[in-house]
Amino acid sequence: MKTVLITAALLAAALLLTGCDNPTADHAAEKGAVVRPTAASDADGIELVPISYKEWTQKLAGYPPEIVVVDMWATWCAPCIERFPKMVELHKKYGDRGVRFVSMNLDSREDKPALKMAEQFLINTGASFENYLMNENLLEAFEMLDLLGIPTVLVYGPDGQERFRLTGDNPNSQFTDRDIESAIETLLAQR
């Protein structure tokens, strides 16, 4: 129990430090959660698929020899929402070069309005890659994924090993979109 309380306190502190508050739907919309009106055809193939941690590790093990970029995000994380469209751009740029993009949503699985907003956000941004919802208790999910806060981007090499962990854990040293692209370029050059 003490470990869970410590983990909860650390998670709360990390979220505060990284600027991820828990906004209302209106606040999230101000931050870009609703980018544009969508047509029915935009939704084709874009959905938020629940996945357990065990299922995720199995899926991740099946991705090599591709380079895999995993964006950990949630609707309550304003920096996540602001930078997510860049992930869609990177997918368009590198998707046909053996780089797989995956989004892992960390909204509470019980928060139906947030999940609906997350799925609409994915449709609105054109996130036509795999989009998962970590189907675990939020605190346990952060612990299992070894996360202190989000946004976090994990980049796996063709061997399936995590090569880059780009986080906002240190408020004085935040990762940039260029850092993600540099990690991808580094791994592509090593092929």
C-alpha atoms as a PDB file:
ATOM      1  CA  MET A   1       0.000   0.000   0.000  1.00  0.00           C
ATOM      2  CA  LYS A   2       2.866   2.348   0.848  1.00  0.00           C
ATOM      3  CA  THR A   3       4.360   1.758  -2.634  1.00  0.00           C
ATOM      4  CA  VAL A   4       1.044   2.642  -4.291  1.00  0.00           C
ATOM      5  CA  LEU A   5       0.784   5.872  -2.278  1.00  0.00           C
ATOM      6  CA  ILE A   6       4.363   6.828  -3.103  1.00  0.00           C
ATOM      7  CA  THR A   7       3.773   6.036  -6.778  1.00  0.00           C
ATOM      8  CA  ALA A   8       0.584   8.114  -6.755  1.00  0.00           C
ATOM      9  CA  ALA A   9       2.393  11.045  -5.166  1.00  0.00           C
ATOM     10  CA  LEU A  10       5.252  10.800  -7.668  1.00  0.00           C
ATOM     11  CA  LEU A  11       2.818  10.582 -10.577  1.00  0.00           C
ATOM     12  CA  ALA A  12       0.908  13.635  -9.379  1.00  0.00           C
ATOM     13  CA  ALA A  13       4.139  15.596  -8.919  1.00  0.00           C
ATOM     14  CA  ALA A  14       5.422  14.565 -12.348  1.00  0.00           C
ATOM     15  CA  LEU A  15       2.195  15.605 -14.020  1.00  0.00           C
ATOM     16  CA  LEU A  16       2.325  18.983 -12.335  1.00  0.00           C
ATOM     17  CA  LEU A  17       5.952  19.468 -13.327  1.00  0.00           C
ATOM     18  CA  THR A  18       5.361  18.538 -16.950  1.00  0.00           C
ATOM     19  CA  GLY A  19       2.404  20.858 -17.285  1.00  0.00           C
ATOM     20  CA  CYS A  20      -0.191  18.144 -17.728  1.00  0.00           C
ATOM     21  CA  ASP A  21      -3.275  19.212 -15.880  1.00  0.00           C
ATOM     22  CA  ASN A  22      -6.654  17.520 -16.044  1.00  0.00           C
ATOM     23  CA  PRO A  23      -8.616  19.978 -18.179  1.00  0.00           C
ATOM     24  CA  THR A  24     -12.299  19.960 -18.873  1.00  0.00           C
ATOM     25  CA  ALA A  25     -13.448  19.063 -22.355  1.00  0.00           C
ATOM     26  CA  ASP A  26     -13.740  22.792 -23.151  1.00  0.00           C
ATOM     27  CA  HIS A  27     -10.142  23.397 -22.045  1.00  0.00           C
ATOM     28  CA  ALA A  28      -8.904  20.449 -24.107  1.00  0.00           C
ATOM     29  CA  ALA A  29     -10.751  21.788 -27.139  1.00  0.00           C
ATOM     30  CA  GLU A  30      -8.963  25.121 -26.668  1.00  0.00           C
ATOM     31  CA  LYS A  31      -5.676  23.200 -26.757  1.00  0.00           C
ATOM     32  CA  GLY A  32      -6.512  21.589 -30.088  1.00  0.00           C
ATOM     33  CA  ALA A  33      -8.508  18.479 -29.196  1.00  0.00           C
ATOM     34  CA  VAL A  34     -10.995  19.336 -31.930  1.00  0.00           C
ATOM     35  CA  VAL A  35      -8.973  20.423 -34.923  1.00  0.00           C
ATOM     36  CA  ARG A  36     -11.576  20.495 -37.683  1.00  0.00           C
ATOM     37  CA  PRO A  37     -14.980  19.085 -38.532  1.00  0.00           C
ATOM     38  CA  THR A  38     -14.778  15.526 -39.755  1.00  0.00           C
ATOM     39  CA  ALA A  39     -16.451  13.701 -42.561  1.00  0.00           C
ATOM     40  CA  ALA A  40     -17.577  10.127 -42.076  1.00  0.00           C
ATOM     41  CA  SER A  41     -14.821   8.910 -44.406  1.00  0.00           C
ATOM     42  CA  ASP A  42     -12.132  10.396 -42.115  1.00  0.00           C
ATOM     43  CA  ALA A  43     -13.023   7.873 -39.427  1.00  0.00           C
ATOM     44  CA  ASP A  44     -12.316   4.856 -41.640  1.00  0.00           C
ATOM     45  CA  GLY A  45      -9.875   2.656 -39.779  1.00  0.00           C
ATOM     46  CA  ILE A  46      -9.122   5.157 -37.009  1.00  0.00           C
ATOM     47  CA  GLU A  47     -10.172   3.890 -33.609  1.00  0.00           C
ATOM     48  CA  LEU A  48      -8.934   3.679 -30.039  1.00  0.00           C
ATOM     49  CA  VAL A  49      -8.386  -0.007 -29.273  1.00  0.00           C
ATOM     50  CA  PRO A  50      -8.192  -1.133 -25.618  1.00  0.00           C
ATOM     51  CA  ILE A  51      -5.082  -3.172 -24.872  1.00  0.00           C
ATOM     52  CA  SER A  52      -3.765  -4.678 -21.652  1.00  0.00           C
ATOM     53  CA  TYR A  53      -0.144  -4.306 -20.673  1.00  0.00           C
ATOM     54  CA  LYS A  54       0.475  -8.003 -21.386  1.00  0.00           C
ATOM     55  CA  GLU A  55      -1.134  -7.706 -24.836  1.00  0.00           C
ATOM     56  CA  TRP A  56       0.945  -4.584 -25.484  1.00  0.00           C
ATOM     57  CA  THR A  57       4.234  -6.331 -24.703  1.00  0.00           C
ATOM     58  CA  GLN A  58       3.246  -9.180 -27.021  1.00  0.00           C
ATOM     59  CA  LYS A  59       2.311  -6.777 -29.815  1.00  0.00           C
ATOM     60  CA  LEU A  60       5.532  -4.815 -29.323  1.00  0.00           C
ATOM     61  CA  ALA A  61       7.558  -8.031 -29.594  1.00  0.00           C
ATOM     62  CA  GLY A  62       5.990  -8.681 -33.010  1.00  0.00           C
ATOM     63  CA  TYR A  63       7.008  -5.364 -34.582  1.00  0.00           C
ATOM     64  CA  PRO A  64      10.704  -5.996 -35.393  1.00  0.00           C
ATOM     65  CA  PRO A  65      12.398  -5.495 -37.799  1.00  0.00           C
ATOM     66  CA  GLU A  66      10.556  -2.177 -38.014  1.00  0.00           C
ATOM     67  CA  ILE A  67      11.587   0.902 -36.093  1.00  0.00           C
ATOM     68  CA  VAL A  68       8.691   1.713 -33.748  1.00  0.00           C
ATOM     69  CA  VAL A  69       7.773   5.152 -32.412  1.00  0.00           C
ATOM     70  CA  VAL A  70       5.284   5.068 -29.529  1.00  0.00           C
ATOM     71  CA  ASP A  71       3.601   8.292 -28.420  1.00  0.00           C
ATOM     72  CA  MET A  72       2.225   8.114 -24.853  1.00  0.00           C
ATOM     73  CA  TRP A  73      -0.523  10.730 -24.419  1.00  0.00           C
ATOM     74  CA  ALA A  74      -3.873  11.629 -22.845  1.00  0.00           C
ATOM     75  CA  THR A  75      -6.564  14.233 -23.454  1.00  0.00           C
ATOM     76  CA  TRP A  76      -5.880  15.835 -20.048  1.00  0.00           C
ATOM     77  CA  CYS A  77      -2.259  16.521 -21.048  1.00  0.00           C
ATOM     78  CA  ALA A  78      -2.161  19.857 -22.877  1.00  0.00           C
ATOM     79  CA  PRO A  79       1.438  19.408 -24.149  1.00  0.00           C
ATOM     80  CA  CYS A  80       0.453  15.988 -25.517  1.00  0.00           C
ATOM     81  CA  ILE A  81      -2.452  17.465 -27.471  1.00  0.00           C
ATOM     82  CA  GLU A  82      -0.365  20.358 -28.760  1.00  0.00           C
ATOM     83  CA  ARG A  83       2.432  18.197 -30.134  1.00  0.00           C
ATOM     84  CA  PHE A  84       0.434  15.159 -31.376  1.00  0.00           C
ATOM     85  CA  PRO A  85      -0.170  16.563 -34.897  1.00  0.00           C
ATOM     86  CA  LYS A  86       3.620  16.483 -35.404  1.00  0.00           C
ATOM     87  CA  MET A  87       3.496  12.718 -34.803  1.00  0.00           C
ATOM     88  CA  VAL A  88       0.962  12.447 -37.635  1.00  0.00           C
ATOM     89  CA  GLU A  89       3.323  14.475 -39.874  1.00  0.00           C
ATOM     90  CA  LEU A  90       6.250  12.213 -38.966  1.00  0.00           C
ATOM     91  CA  HIS A  91       4.122   9.169 -39.793  1.00  0.00           C
ATOM     92  CA  LYS A  92       3.486  10.609 -43.254  1.00  0.00           C
ATOM     93  CA  LYS A  93       7.182  11.333 -43.700  1.00  0.00           C
ATOM     94  CA  TYR A  94       8.658   8.065 -42.407  1.00  0.00           C
ATOM     95  CA  GLY A  95       5.812   5.520 -42.501  1.00  0.00           C
ATOM     96  CA  ASP A  96       6.884   4.111 -45.856  1.00  0.00           C
ATOM     97  CA  ARG A  97      10.525   3.813 -44.748  1.00  0.00           C
ATOM     98  CA  GLY A  98      10.053   0.966 -42.256  1.00  0.00           C
ATOM     99  CA  VAL A  99       9.022   3.153 -39.325  1.00  0.00           C
ATOM    100  CA  ARG A 100       5.819   2.194 -37.515  1.00  0.00           C
ATOM    101  CA  PHE A 101       3.979   4.826 -35.477  1.00  0.00           C
ATOM    102  CA  VAL A 102       1.746   3.877 -32.562  1.00  0.00           C
ATOM    103  CA  SER A 103      -0.183   6.040 -30.128  1.00  0.00           C
ATOM    104  CA  MET A 104      -0.856   4.835 -26.582  1.00  0.00           C
ATOM    105  CA  ASN A 105      -3.621   6.758 -24.848  1.00  0.00           C
ATOM    106  CA  LEU A 106      -3.465   6.889 -21.064  1.00  0.00           C
ATOM    107  CA  ASP A 107      -6.854   8.386 -20.276  1.00  0.00           C
ATOM    108  CA  SER A 108      -8.767   6.566 -17.554  1.00  0.00           C
ATOM    109  CA  ARG A 109     -10.639   3.645 -19.074  1.00  0.00           C
ATOM    110  CA  GLU A 110     -13.642   4.595 -16.904  1.00  0.00           C
ATOM    111  CA  ASP A 111     -13.790   8.189 -18.225  1.00  0.00           C
ATOM    112  CA  LYS A 112     -16.147   7.656 -21.175  1.00  0.00           C
ATOM    113  CA  PRO A 113     -16.330  11.361 -22.200  1.00  0.00           C
ATOM    114  CA  ALA A 114     -12.516  11.567 -22.295  1.00  0.00           C
ATOM    115  CA  LEU A 115     -12.298   8.376 -24.344  1.00  0.00           C
ATOM    116  CA  LYS A 116     -14.874   9.692 -26.798  1.00  0.00           C
ATOM    117  CA  MET A 117     -12.928  12.950 -27.035  1.00  0.00           C
ATOM    118  CA  ALA A 118      -9.670  10.998 -27.529  1.00  0.00           C
ATOM    119  CA  GLU A 119     -11.115   8.958 -30.383  1.00  0.00           C
ATOM    120  CA  GLN A 120     -12.541  12.089 -32.033  1.00  0.00           C
ATOM    121  CA  PHE A 121      -9.157  13.794 -31.640  1.00  0.00           C
ATOM    122  CA  LEU A 122      -7.468  10.877 -33.425  1.00  0.00           C
ATOM    123  CA  ILE A 123      -9.967  11.128 -36.266  1.00  0.00           C
ATOM    124  CA  ASN A 124      -9.620  14.908 -36.476  1.00  0.00           C
ATOM    125  CA  THR A 125      -5.833  14.763 -36.650  1.00  0.00           C
ATOM    126  CA  GLY A 126      -5.851  11.933 -39.205  1.00  0.00           C
ATOM    127  CA  ALA A 127      -3.935   9.521 -36.964  1.00  0.00           C
ATOM    128  CA  SER A 128      -4.161   6.620 -39.427  1.00  0.00           C
ATOM    129  CA  PHE A 129      -1.761   4.411 -37.493  1.00  0.00           C
ATOM    130  CA  GLU A 130      -2.375   2.045 -34.575  1.00  0.00           C
ATOM    131  CA  ASN A 131      -4.040   3.799 -31.634  1.00  0.00           C
ATOM    132  CA  TYR A 132      -4.328   1.976 -28.326  1.00  0.00           C
ATOM    133  CA  LEU A 133      -5.903   2.710 -24.962  1.00  0.00           C
ATOM    134  CA  MET A 134      -3.934   1.237 -22.073  1.00  0.00           C
ATOM    135  CA  ASN A 135      -6.675  -0.852 -20.500  1.00  0.00           C
ATOM    136  CA  GLU A 136      -5.186  -0.891 -17.001  1.00  0.00           C
ATOM    137  CA  ASN A 137      -5.627   1.172 -13.858  1.00  0.00           C
ATOM    138  CA  LEU A 138      -3.948   4.512 -14.576  1.00  0.00           C
ATOM    139  CA  LEU A 139      -1.402   4.387 -11.740  1.00  0.00           C
ATOM    140  CA  GLU A 140      -0.572   0.765 -12.501  1.00  0.00           C
ATOM    141  CA  ALA A 141      -0.227   1.582 -16.204  1.00  0.00           C
ATOM    142  CA  PHE A 142       2.288   4.336 -15.441  1.00  0.00           C
ATOM    143  CA  GLU A 143       4.211   1.933 -13.206  1.00  0.00           C
ATOM    144  CA  MET A 144       4.166  -0.928 -15.739  1.00  0.00           C
ATOM    145  CA  LEU A 145       5.268   1.393 -18.556  1.00  0.00           C
ATOM    146  CA  ASP A 146       7.925   2.939 -16.281  1.00  0.00           C
ATOM    147  CA  LEU A 147       6.541   6.445 -16.836  1.00  0.00           C
ATOM    148  CA  LEU A 148       6.837   9.436 -14.538  1.00  0.00           C
ATOM    149  CA  GLY A 149       4.767  11.691 -16.785  1.00  0.00           C
ATOM    150  CA  ILE A 150       3.593  12.387 -20.270  1.00  0.00           C
ATOM    151  CA  PRO A 151       4.100  13.294 -23.024  1.00  0.00           C
ATOM    152  CA  THR A 152       6.626  10.534 -23.521  1.00  0.00           C
ATOM    153  CA  VAL A 153       7.833   9.120 -26.819  1.00  0.00           C
ATOM    154  CA  LEU A 154       9.552   5.740 -26.916  1.00  0.00           C
ATOM    155  CA  VAL A 155      11.574   4.756 -29.966  1.00  0.00           C
ATOM    156  CA  TYR A 156      12.432   1.087 -30.526  1.00  0.00           C
ATOM    157  CA  GLY A 157      15.123  -0.125 -32.880  1.00  0.00           C
ATOM    158  CA  PRO A 158      14.758  -2.858 -35.506  1.00  0.00           C
ATOM    159  CA  ASP A 159      15.925  -5.327 -32.853  1.00  0.00           C
ATOM    160  CA  GLY A 160      12.890  -4.515 -30.696  1.00  0.00           C
ATOM    161  CA  GLN A 161      14.950  -2.821 -27.984  1.00  0.00           C
ATOM    162  CA  GLU A 162      14.020   0.579 -26.605  1.00  0.00           C
ATOM    163  CA  ARG A 163      16.694   2.925 -27.951  1.00  0.00           C
ATOM    164  CA  PHE A 164      15.308   6.359 -27.071  1.00  0.00           C
ATOM    165  CA  ARG A 165      13.044   7.495 -24.223  1.00  0.00           C
ATOM    166  CA  LEU A 166      12.037  11.099 -24.799  1.00  0.00           C
ATOM    167  CA  THR A 167      10.243  12.542 -21.781  1.00  0.00           C
ATOM    168  CA  GLY A 168       9.242  15.743 -20.135  1.00  0.00           C
ATOM    169  CA  ASP A 169      10.327  14.423 -16.734  1.00  0.00           C
ATOM    170  CA  ASN A 170      12.831  17.244 -16.281  1.00  0.00           C
ATOM    171  CA  PRO A 171      11.071  20.613 -16.640  1.00  0.00           C
ATOM    172  CA  ASN A 172      14.411  22.212 -17.530  1.00  0.00           C
ATOM    173  CA  SER A 173      15.076  19.792 -20.378  1.00  0.00           C
ATOM    174  CA  GLN A 174      12.016  19.002 -22.479  1.00  0.00           C
ATOM    175  CA  PHE A 175      12.242  16.947 -25.653  1.00  0.00           C
ATOM    176  CA  THR A 176      11.344  18.520 -28.968  1.00  0.00           C
ATOM    177  CA  ASP A 177       9.876  17.309 -32.234  1.00  0.00           C
ATOM    178  CA  ARG A 178      13.391  17.548 -33.654  1.00  0.00           C
ATOM    179  CA  ASP A 179      14.590  15.085 -30.975  1.00  0.00           C
ATOM    180  CA  ILE A 180      12.034  12.538 -32.197  1.00  0.00           C
ATOM    181  CA  GLU A 181      13.073  13.011 -35.810  1.00  0.00           C
ATOM    182  CA  SER A 182      16.741  12.780 -34.865  1.00  0.00           C
ATOM    183  CA  ALA A 183      16.124   9.465 -33.069  1.00  0.00           C
ATOM    184  CA  ILE A 184      14.354   8.105 -36.156  1.00  0.00           C
ATOM    185  CA  GLU A 185      17.115   9.308 -38.477  1.00  0.00           C
ATOM    186  CA  THR A 186      19.774   7.767 -36.226  1.00  0.00           C
ATOM    187  CA  LEU A 187      18.094   4.360 -36.341  1.00  0.00           C
ATOM    188  CA  LEU A 188      17.464   4.546 -40.085  1.00  0.00           C
ATOM    189  CA  ALA A 189      21.152   5.332 -40.640  1.00  0.00           C
ATOM    190  CA  GLN A 190      22.145   2.250 -38.601  1.00  0.00           C
ATOM    191  CA  ARG A 191      20.256  -0.140 -40.887  1.00  0.00           C
END
